[in-house]
Amino acid sequence: MTTAFVAGATGYTGREVVRALVAGGHRAVAHVRPDRRDLDEVRARFEGEGAEVDATAWDEAALAGTLEALQPDVVFALLGTTRHRMDQLREGKADYAVASYEEVDYGLTALLMRACLAAEITPRFVYLSAAGVQAGASTPYYAVRARMEQELRQSGLPYTIARPGIITGPDREEDRPLERMGGLVVDGALTVAGAFGFRGLQQRYRSTDAAALAAALVRLALDPEAADAVVASDGLR
């Protein structure tokens, strides 16, 4: 039985990854921030679905100890803030704590990677990046992911980097109608592009929902041929 540690388990994709792991008969350990006000509720929900819950603080030494004890075969890094939240922060409209891309998308993922190294374990590190990431990216959203991808490649850990297109669906807890509309518009434009022969472009950037993405991430995490690989959208369905 595979043991998987899921960081970002309460997110849209993370919840589905936990469910996919449990459905596949694997041991799923859902990591949840210990300072969540609804920790008891979240714990009950995950445990009711057949998963375990870990609430280790975001501290490198503490996480290293947890990972050393768990000895996971796979670590999923599904962490990230959103453009919507960052826009609220810039516009002064956020009424809750908002962290930057640097703090979350890079900082927490890098901390998790270092904790694996400090624990002296070598799980497959599955990193949820994004389509369009490349070295030298100028926007913070892509720049931190490019930086994280590079450090992961150089870490010595076996890895799988996933680069999906827009991740959307009507079942998000955070209502994001503009994102869903954007996904439809992008998919429509890509269908036209595909009709004119740009099928590679269509497959690379087409939107996906969390359940389909989660199933693909779990499949890739257990696939020896996906070790040390970067997988674009067309391989995430």
Foldseek 3Di string as FASTA:
>chain_A
DAEEEEEVLVAQLNVLLLLLQVVVVHAYEYEDAPPDPCVVVVQVVSVVSPYHYDHFHLDLQRLLVVCLVRLGQEYEQPKDDDPVLVVCVVVVNDPDDDDDCCCIVQVSLVSNLVSCVVNVHAHAYEYEAAFPADPPDDDSNRNSRNVNVVCVLVSPHWYFYEHEAQADDPPGPDDDVVSVVVLVVVLVVLVVVVVVPVVVVNQQHHYYYSNQQSNLSVVLSPDPVRIPHYHGNNSRD
